[in-house]
Amino acid sequence: EGRQHSYCCCRCCCCCCCCCCFLLLLLLLLLLLLLLFHSYSQIGTLIEVTNVQFMKDGNILIDCLGKRRFQVLEEMWADGYNTARVRWITDEATPLQDKADLQEIHDETFAHAQKFFRSSVFEQIRLRIGNLPAPSMLYEYSENGPGWLWFCVSVLPLSPQFRLNQLSCTSVRQRLLWLRDWFVMNDNPFSILAIASFLQHSYTSP
């Protein structure tokens, strides 16, 4: 009887150990999933809703204007909503001795953008998205840099990572260089036609 009792105790201990190992693995898996998949992006934009249109098919068309960029420092949950503690992202000041070089990069990049959007294949698309905003002197720009750059970032078929890099970057010079390189890489009839076709579908589909 003693041996049978010891055997039962050992079997119970083994079962408990297996359960503990399973729970530990499950917790580790959940932790890994939380680390891999955030509930939302860690970089974002404070927006102002400028217009709301209720369409006949039930869809709602919302026009928004980006105001400020931010980085999430701490994710929180309050009253059923995602909330966060954030810090504002602003561009670094450009030293006086570098402003002439920055203006040159700006003018070159804007020339690429102007040439791109002036292409005849974008004629119908411009009716939907509007024209490329006009530039102004860099000294007049806000803490977020030139507005026409953000117009390009919002309407062009750029990768999500490209957009995140633009939003998180605090160097207007670097953002201009990234966009200039993109225009140079796609400065051929085949790319322009493919991009125009993509935008045509994106902005005309219901």
C-alpha atoms as a PDB file:
ATOM      1  CA  GLU A   1       0.000   0.000   0.000  1.00  0.00           C
ATOM      2  CA  GLY A   2       2.893   2.333   0.806  1.00  0.00           C
ATOM      3  CA  ARG A   3       4.478   1.796  -2.601  1.00  0.00           C
ATOM      4  CA  GLN A   4       1.129   2.430  -4.354  1.00  0.00           C
ATOM      5  CA  HIS A   5       0.693   5.679  -2.397  1.00  0.00           C
ATOM      6  CA  SER A   6       4.206   6.857  -3.361  1.00  0.00           C
ATOM      7  CA  TYR A   7       3.489   6.040  -6.997  1.00  0.00           C
ATOM      8  CA  CYS A   8       0.312   8.141  -6.956  1.00  0.00           C
ATOM      9  CA  CYS A   9       2.188  11.067  -5.375  1.00  0.00           C
ATOM     10  CA  CYS A  10       4.905  10.927  -8.048  1.00  0.00           C
ATOM     11  CA  ARG A  11       2.303  10.823 -10.802  1.00  0.00           C
ATOM     12  CA  CYS A  12       0.541  13.878  -9.340  1.00  0.00           C
ATOM     13  CA  CYS A  13       3.830  15.763  -9.129  1.00  0.00           C
ATOM     14  CA  CYS A  14       4.592  14.981 -12.769  1.00  0.00           C
ATOM     15  CA  CYS A  15       1.149  16.232 -13.826  1.00  0.00           C
ATOM     16  CA  CYS A  16       1.637  19.457 -11.856  1.00  0.00           C
ATOM     17  CA  CYS A  17       5.054  20.014 -13.431  1.00  0.00           C
ATOM     18  CA  CYS A  18       3.611  19.483 -16.936  1.00  0.00           C
ATOM     19  CA  CYS A  19       0.808  21.967 -16.223  1.00  0.00           C
ATOM     20  CA  CYS A  20       3.271  24.551 -14.899  1.00  0.00           C
ATOM     21  CA  CYS A  21       5.504  24.150 -17.948  1.00  0.00           C
ATOM     22  CA  PHE A  22       2.519  24.504 -20.256  1.00  0.00           C
ATOM     23  CA  LEU A  23       1.334  27.672 -18.503  1.00  0.00           C
ATOM     24  CA  LEU A  24       4.847  29.107 -18.558  1.00  0.00           C
ATOM     25  CA  LEU A  25       5.151  28.478 -22.294  1.00  0.00           C
ATOM     26  CA  LEU A  26       1.734  30.019 -22.840  1.00  0.00           C
ATOM     27  CA  LEU A  27       2.724  33.146 -20.909  1.00  0.00           C
ATOM     28  CA  LEU A  28       5.964  33.423 -22.853  1.00  0.00           C
ATOM     29  CA  LEU A  29       4.047  33.098 -26.122  1.00  0.00           C
ATOM     30  CA  LEU A  30       1.610  35.836 -25.083  1.00  0.00           C
ATOM     31  CA  LEU A  31       4.493  38.095 -24.062  1.00  0.00           C
ATOM     32  CA  LEU A  32       6.190  37.503 -27.407  1.00  0.00           C
ATOM     33  CA  LEU A  33       2.981  38.364 -29.269  1.00  0.00           C
ATOM     34  CA  LEU A  34       2.631  41.571 -27.269  1.00  0.00           C
ATOM     35  CA  LEU A  35       6.193  42.545 -28.127  1.00  0.00           C
ATOM     36  CA  LEU A  36       5.792  41.757 -31.819  1.00  0.00           C
ATOM     37  CA  PHE A  37       2.381  43.350 -32.326  1.00  0.00           C
ATOM     38  CA  HIS A  38       1.766  46.739 -30.719  1.00  0.00           C
ATOM     39  CA  SER A  39      -1.831  47.822 -30.442  1.00  0.00           C
ATOM     40  CA  TYR A  40      -0.951  50.841 -32.581  1.00  0.00           C
ATOM     41  CA  SER A  41       2.016  52.564 -34.208  1.00  0.00           C
ATOM     42  CA  GLN A  42       4.546  54.230 -31.944  1.00  0.00           C
ATOM     43  CA  ILE A  43       4.751  57.248 -34.277  1.00  0.00           C
ATOM     44  CA  GLY A  44       1.666  59.303 -35.044  1.00  0.00           C
ATOM     45  CA  THR A  45       0.170  62.613 -36.095  1.00  0.00           C
ATOM     46  CA  LEU A  46      -2.234  64.939 -34.340  1.00  0.00           C
ATOM     47  CA  ILE A  47      -4.873  65.797 -36.938  1.00  0.00           C
ATOM     48  CA  GLU A  48      -7.562  68.418 -37.374  1.00  0.00           C
ATOM     49  CA  VAL A  49     -10.766  67.322 -39.100  1.00  0.00           C
ATOM     50  CA  THR A  50     -11.502  70.030 -41.670  1.00  0.00           C
ATOM     51  CA  ASN A  51     -14.502  68.561 -43.495  1.00  0.00           C
ATOM     52  CA  VAL A  52     -16.909  65.617 -43.291  1.00  0.00           C
ATOM     53  CA  GLN A  53     -19.030  64.387 -46.209  1.00  0.00           C
ATOM     54  CA  PHE A  54     -21.698  61.698 -45.962  1.00  0.00           C
ATOM     55  CA  MET A  55     -21.825  59.817 -49.263  1.00  0.00           C
ATOM     56  CA  LYS A  56     -24.967  58.314 -50.807  1.00  0.00           C
ATOM     57  CA  ASP A  57     -23.527  54.793 -50.532  1.00  0.00           C
ATOM     58  CA  GLY A  58     -23.168  55.145 -46.767  1.00  0.00           C
ATOM     59  CA  ASN A  59     -19.461  55.888 -46.741  1.00  0.00           C
ATOM     60  CA  ILE A  60     -18.076  58.928 -44.954  1.00  0.00           C
ATOM     61  CA  LEU A  61     -15.368  61.075 -46.550  1.00  0.00           C
ATOM     62  CA  ILE A  62     -13.275  62.867 -43.936  1.00  0.00           C
ATOM     63  CA  ASP A  63     -10.720  65.555 -44.797  1.00  0.00           C
ATOM     64  CA  CYS A  64      -7.962  65.943 -42.248  1.00  0.00           C
ATOM     65  CA  LEU A  65      -5.009  68.260 -41.771  1.00  0.00           C
ATOM     66  CA  GLY A  66      -1.892  67.044 -39.976  1.00  0.00           C
ATOM     67  CA  LYS A  67      -0.872  69.419 -37.194  1.00  0.00           C
ATOM     68  CA  ARG A  68       1.903  67.886 -35.071  1.00  0.00           C
ATOM     69  CA  ARG A  69       3.942  64.693 -34.977  1.00  0.00           C
ATOM     70  CA  PHE A  70       4.436  62.616 -31.847  1.00  0.00           C
ATOM     71  CA  GLN A  71       6.148  59.513 -30.481  1.00  0.00           C
ATOM     72  CA  VAL A  72       4.408  57.184 -28.040  1.00  0.00           C
ATOM     73  CA  LEU A  73       6.298  56.902 -24.752  1.00  0.00           C
ATOM     74  CA  GLU A  74       3.778  54.802 -22.841  1.00  0.00           C
ATOM     75  CA  GLU A  75       0.669  52.943 -23.986  1.00  0.00           C
ATOM     76  CA  MET A  76      -2.359  53.159 -21.705  1.00  0.00           C
ATOM     77  CA  TRP A  77      -6.029  52.206 -21.606  1.00  0.00           C
ATOM     78  CA  ALA A  78      -8.791  54.405 -20.234  1.00  0.00           C
ATOM     79  CA  ASP A  79     -12.589  54.096 -20.429  1.00  0.00           C
ATOM     80  CA  GLY A  80     -12.359  51.586 -23.263  1.00  0.00           C
ATOM     81  CA  TYR A  81     -10.061  53.738 -25.398  1.00  0.00           C
ATOM     82  CA  ASN A  82      -6.399  53.511 -26.313  1.00  0.00           C
ATOM     83  CA  THR A  83      -4.516  56.412 -24.770  1.00  0.00           C
ATOM     84  CA  ALA A  84      -0.833  57.196 -24.507  1.00  0.00           C
ATOM     85  CA  ARG A  85       1.770  59.453 -23.011  1.00  0.00           C
ATOM     86  CA  VAL A  86       3.614  61.070 -25.919  1.00  0.00           C
ATOM     87  CA  ARG A  87       6.370  63.510 -26.768  1.00  0.00           C
ATOM     88  CA  TRP A  88       6.100  65.957 -29.633  1.00  0.00           C
ATOM     89  CA  ILE A  89       8.481  65.521 -32.581  1.00  0.00           C
ATOM     90  CA  THR A  90       9.937  68.735 -33.990  1.00  0.00           C
ATOM     91  CA  ASP A  91      12.662  69.421 -36.505  1.00  0.00           C
ATOM     92  CA  GLU A  92      16.138  70.324 -35.349  1.00  0.00           C
ATOM     93  CA  ALA A  93      17.213  73.881 -36.032  1.00  0.00           C
ATOM     94  CA  THR A  94      19.382  74.267 -39.124  1.00  0.00           C
ATOM     95  CA  PRO A  95      22.691  76.064 -38.457  1.00  0.00           C
ATOM     96  CA  LEU A  96      23.008  79.336 -40.338  1.00  0.00           C
ATOM     97  CA  GLN A  97      26.020  78.116 -42.317  1.00  0.00           C
ATOM     98  CA  ASP A  98      24.010  75.106 -43.624  1.00  0.00           C
ATOM     99  CA  LYS A  99      20.901  76.980 -44.763  1.00  0.00           C
ATOM    100  CA  ALA A 100      22.199  77.710 -48.262  1.00  0.00           C
ATOM    101  CA  ASP A 101      22.954  74.007 -48.817  1.00  0.00           C
ATOM    102  CA  LEU A 102      19.550  73.052 -47.402  1.00  0.00           C
ATOM    103  CA  GLN A 103      17.791  75.518 -49.691  1.00  0.00           C
ATOM    104  CA  GLU A 104      19.593  73.996 -52.678  1.00  0.00           C
ATOM    105  CA  ILE A 105      18.495  70.465 -51.717  1.00  0.00           C
ATOM    106  CA  HIS A 106      14.970  71.749 -51.165  1.00  0.00           C
ATOM    107  CA  ASP A 107      14.794  73.433 -54.582  1.00  0.00           C
ATOM    108  CA  GLU A 108      16.176  70.342 -56.339  1.00  0.00           C
ATOM    109  CA  THR A 109      13.702  68.012 -54.614  1.00  0.00           C
ATOM    110  CA  PHE A 110      10.773  70.326 -55.302  1.00  0.00           C
ATOM    111  CA  ALA A 111      11.766  70.478 -58.987  1.00  0.00           C
ATOM    112  CA  HIS A 112      11.584  66.666 -59.118  1.00  0.00           C
ATOM    113  CA  ALA A 113       8.154  66.701 -57.439  1.00  0.00           C
ATOM    114  CA  GLN A 114       6.885  69.432 -59.761  1.00  0.00           C
ATOM    115  CA  LYS A 115       8.048  67.536 -62.852  1.00  0.00           C
ATOM    116  CA  PHE A 116       6.458  64.347 -61.517  1.00  0.00           C
ATOM    117  CA  PHE A 117       3.021  65.807 -60.777  1.00  0.00           C
ATOM    118  CA  ARG A 118       2.945  67.927 -63.948  1.00  0.00           C
ATOM    119  CA  SER A 119       3.017  64.795 -66.071  1.00  0.00           C
ATOM    120  CA  SER A 120      -0.073  64.527 -68.274  1.00  0.00           C
ATOM    121  CA  VAL A 121      -0.948  61.115 -66.794  1.00  0.00           C
ATOM    122  CA  PHE A 122      -1.763  62.836 -63.476  1.00  0.00           C
ATOM    123  CA  GLU A 123      -4.272  65.267 -64.986  1.00  0.00           C
ATOM    124  CA  GLN A 124      -7.377  63.415 -63.760  1.00  0.00           C
ATOM    125  CA  ILE A 125      -5.793  62.568 -60.425  1.00  0.00           C
ATOM    126  CA  ARG A 126      -5.055  66.242 -59.692  1.00  0.00           C
ATOM    127  CA  LEU A 127      -8.803  66.879 -59.752  1.00  0.00           C
ATOM    128  CA  ARG A 128      -9.098  64.514 -56.785  1.00  0.00           C
ATOM    129  CA  ILE A 129      -5.998  65.233 -54.713  1.00  0.00           C
ATOM    130  CA  GLY A 130      -5.368  68.855 -55.705  1.00  0.00           C
ATOM    131  CA  ASN A 131      -2.195  70.487 -56.929  1.00  0.00           C
ATOM    132  CA  LEU A 132       1.250  70.265 -55.407  1.00  0.00           C
ATOM    133  CA  PRO A 133       1.442  73.072 -52.794  1.00  0.00           C
ATOM    134  CA  ALA A 134       3.743  75.940 -53.677  1.00  0.00           C
ATOM    135  CA  PRO A 135       7.046  76.223 -51.808  1.00  0.00           C
ATOM    136  CA  SER A 136       8.253  79.144 -49.751  1.00  0.00           C
ATOM    137  CA  MET A 137      11.607  80.123 -48.323  1.00  0.00           C
ATOM    138  CA  LEU A 138      12.905  77.558 -45.858  1.00  0.00           C
ATOM    139  CA  TYR A 139      13.233  80.241 -43.202  1.00  0.00           C
ATOM    140  CA  GLU A 140       9.443  80.572 -43.167  1.00  0.00           C
ATOM    141  CA  TYR A 141       8.794  76.886 -42.519  1.00  0.00           C
ATOM    142  CA  SER A 142       7.276  75.567 -39.342  1.00  0.00           C
ATOM    143  CA  GLU A 143       8.754  73.018 -36.968  1.00  0.00           C
ATOM    144  CA  ASN A 144       7.581  70.281 -39.364  1.00  0.00           C
ATOM    145  CA  GLY A 145       9.275  71.535 -42.523  1.00  0.00           C
ATOM    146  CA  PRO A 146       7.766  72.274 -45.940  1.00  0.00           C
ATOM    147  CA  GLY A 147       4.087  71.486 -46.426  1.00  0.00           C
ATOM    148  CA  TRP A 148       4.519  70.270 -50.010  1.00  0.00           C
ATOM    149  CA  LEU A 149       6.808  67.476 -48.746  1.00  0.00           C
ATOM    150  CA  TRP A 150       4.034  66.105 -46.526  1.00  0.00           C
ATOM    151  CA  PHE A 151       1.631  66.351 -49.467  1.00  0.00           C
ATOM    152  CA  CYS A 152       3.962  64.047 -51.417  1.00  0.00           C
ATOM    153  CA  VAL A 153       4.341  61.659 -48.485  1.00  0.00           C
ATOM    154  CA  SER A 154       0.569  61.419 -48.050  1.00  0.00           C
ATOM    155  CA  VAL A 155      -0.459  60.851 -51.684  1.00  0.00           C
ATOM    156  CA  LEU A 156       2.422  58.914 -53.257  1.00  0.00           C
ATOM    157  CA  PRO A 157       2.438  55.072 -53.043  1.00  0.00           C
ATOM    158  CA  LEU A 158       5.253  54.940 -50.500  1.00  0.00           C
ATOM    159  CA  SER A 159       5.922  52.015 -48.196  1.00  0.00           C
ATOM    160  CA  PRO A 160       4.639  52.236 -44.585  1.00  0.00           C
ATOM    161  CA  GLN A 161       8.242  52.176 -43.365  1.00  0.00           C
ATOM    162  CA  PHE A 162       9.140  55.105 -45.629  1.00  0.00           C
ATOM    163  CA  ARG A 163       6.272  57.118 -44.180  1.00  0.00           C
ATOM    164  CA  LEU A 164       7.227  56.208 -40.613  1.00  0.00           C
ATOM    165  CA  ASN A 165      10.814  57.249 -41.299  1.00  0.00           C
ATOM    166  CA  GLN A 166       9.600  60.590 -42.612  1.00  0.00           C
ATOM    167  CA  LEU A 167       7.347  61.164 -39.603  1.00  0.00           C
ATOM    168  CA  SER A 168       9.971  60.262 -37.007  1.00  0.00           C
ATOM    169  CA  CYS A 169      12.898  62.067 -38.664  1.00  0.00           C
ATOM    170  CA  THR A 170      13.830  65.426 -37.106  1.00  0.00           C
ATOM    171  CA  SER A 171      16.102  66.513 -39.970  1.00  0.00           C
ATOM    172  CA  VAL A 172      14.308  68.294 -42.808  1.00  0.00           C
ATOM    173  CA  ARG A 173      17.464  67.852 -44.887  1.00  0.00           C
ATOM    174  CA  GLN A 174      17.331  64.069 -44.516  1.00  0.00           C
ATOM    175  CA  ARG A 175      13.618  63.939 -45.336  1.00  0.00           C
ATOM    176  CA  LEU A 176      14.226  65.949 -48.504  1.00  0.00           C
ATOM    177  CA  LEU A 177      17.091  63.660 -49.529  1.00  0.00           C
ATOM    178  CA  TRP A 178      14.955  60.535 -49.025  1.00  0.00           C
ATOM    179  CA  LEU A 179      12.164  62.003 -51.151  1.00  0.00           C
ATOM    180  CA  ARG A 180      14.589  63.242 -53.818  1.00  0.00           C
ATOM    181  CA  ASP A 181      16.104  59.762 -54.096  1.00  0.00           C
ATOM    182  CA  TRP A 182      12.606  58.282 -54.488  1.00  0.00           C
ATOM    183  CA  PHE A 183      11.786  60.667 -57.342  1.00  0.00           C
ATOM    184  CA  VAL A 184      15.115  59.967 -59.045  1.00  0.00           C
ATOM    185  CA  MET A 185      14.579  56.205 -58.768  1.00  0.00           C
ATOM    186  CA  ASN A 186      11.091  56.488 -60.316  1.00  0.00           C
ATOM    187  CA  ASP A 187      11.954  59.068 -62.967  1.00  0.00           C
ATOM    188  CA  ASN A 188      11.090  56.924 -65.976  1.00  0.00           C
ATOM    189  CA  PRO A 189       7.931  56.548 -68.100  1.00  0.00           C
ATOM    190  CA  PHE A 190       7.142  53.025 -66.896  1.00  0.00           C
ATOM    191  CA  SER A 191       7.279  53.922 -63.188  1.00  0.00           C
ATOM    192  CA  ILE A 192       5.315  57.132 -63.670  1.00  0.00           C
ATOM    193  CA  LEU A 193       2.598  55.320 -65.603  1.00  0.00           C
ATOM    194  CA  ALA A 194       2.391  52.538 -62.996  1.00  0.00           C
ATOM    195  CA  ILE A 195       2.181  55.056 -60.135  1.00  0.00           C
ATOM    196  CA  ALA A 196      -0.440  57.105 -61.981  1.00  0.00           C
ATOM    197  CA  SER A 197      -2.510  53.959 -62.563  1.00  0.00           C
ATOM    198  CA  PHE A 198      -2.244  53.040 -58.871  1.00  0.00           C
ATOM    199  CA  LEU A 199      -3.307  56.539 -57.753  1.00  0.00           C
ATOM    200  CA  GLN A 200      -6.122  56.599 -60.305  1.00  0.00           C
ATOM    201  CA  HIS A 201      -7.504  53.382 -58.830  1.00  0.00           C
ATOM    202  CA  SER A 202      -6.948  54.512 -55.213  1.00  0.00           C
ATOM    203  CA  TYR A 203      -8.654  57.886 -55.572  1.00  0.00           C
ATOM    204  CA  THR A 204     -11.494  56.931 -57.903  1.00  0.00           C
ATOM    205  CA  SER A 205     -12.560  53.619 -56.389  1.00  0.00           C
ATOM    206  CA  PRO A 206     -15.697  53.794 -54.230  1.00  0.00           C
END
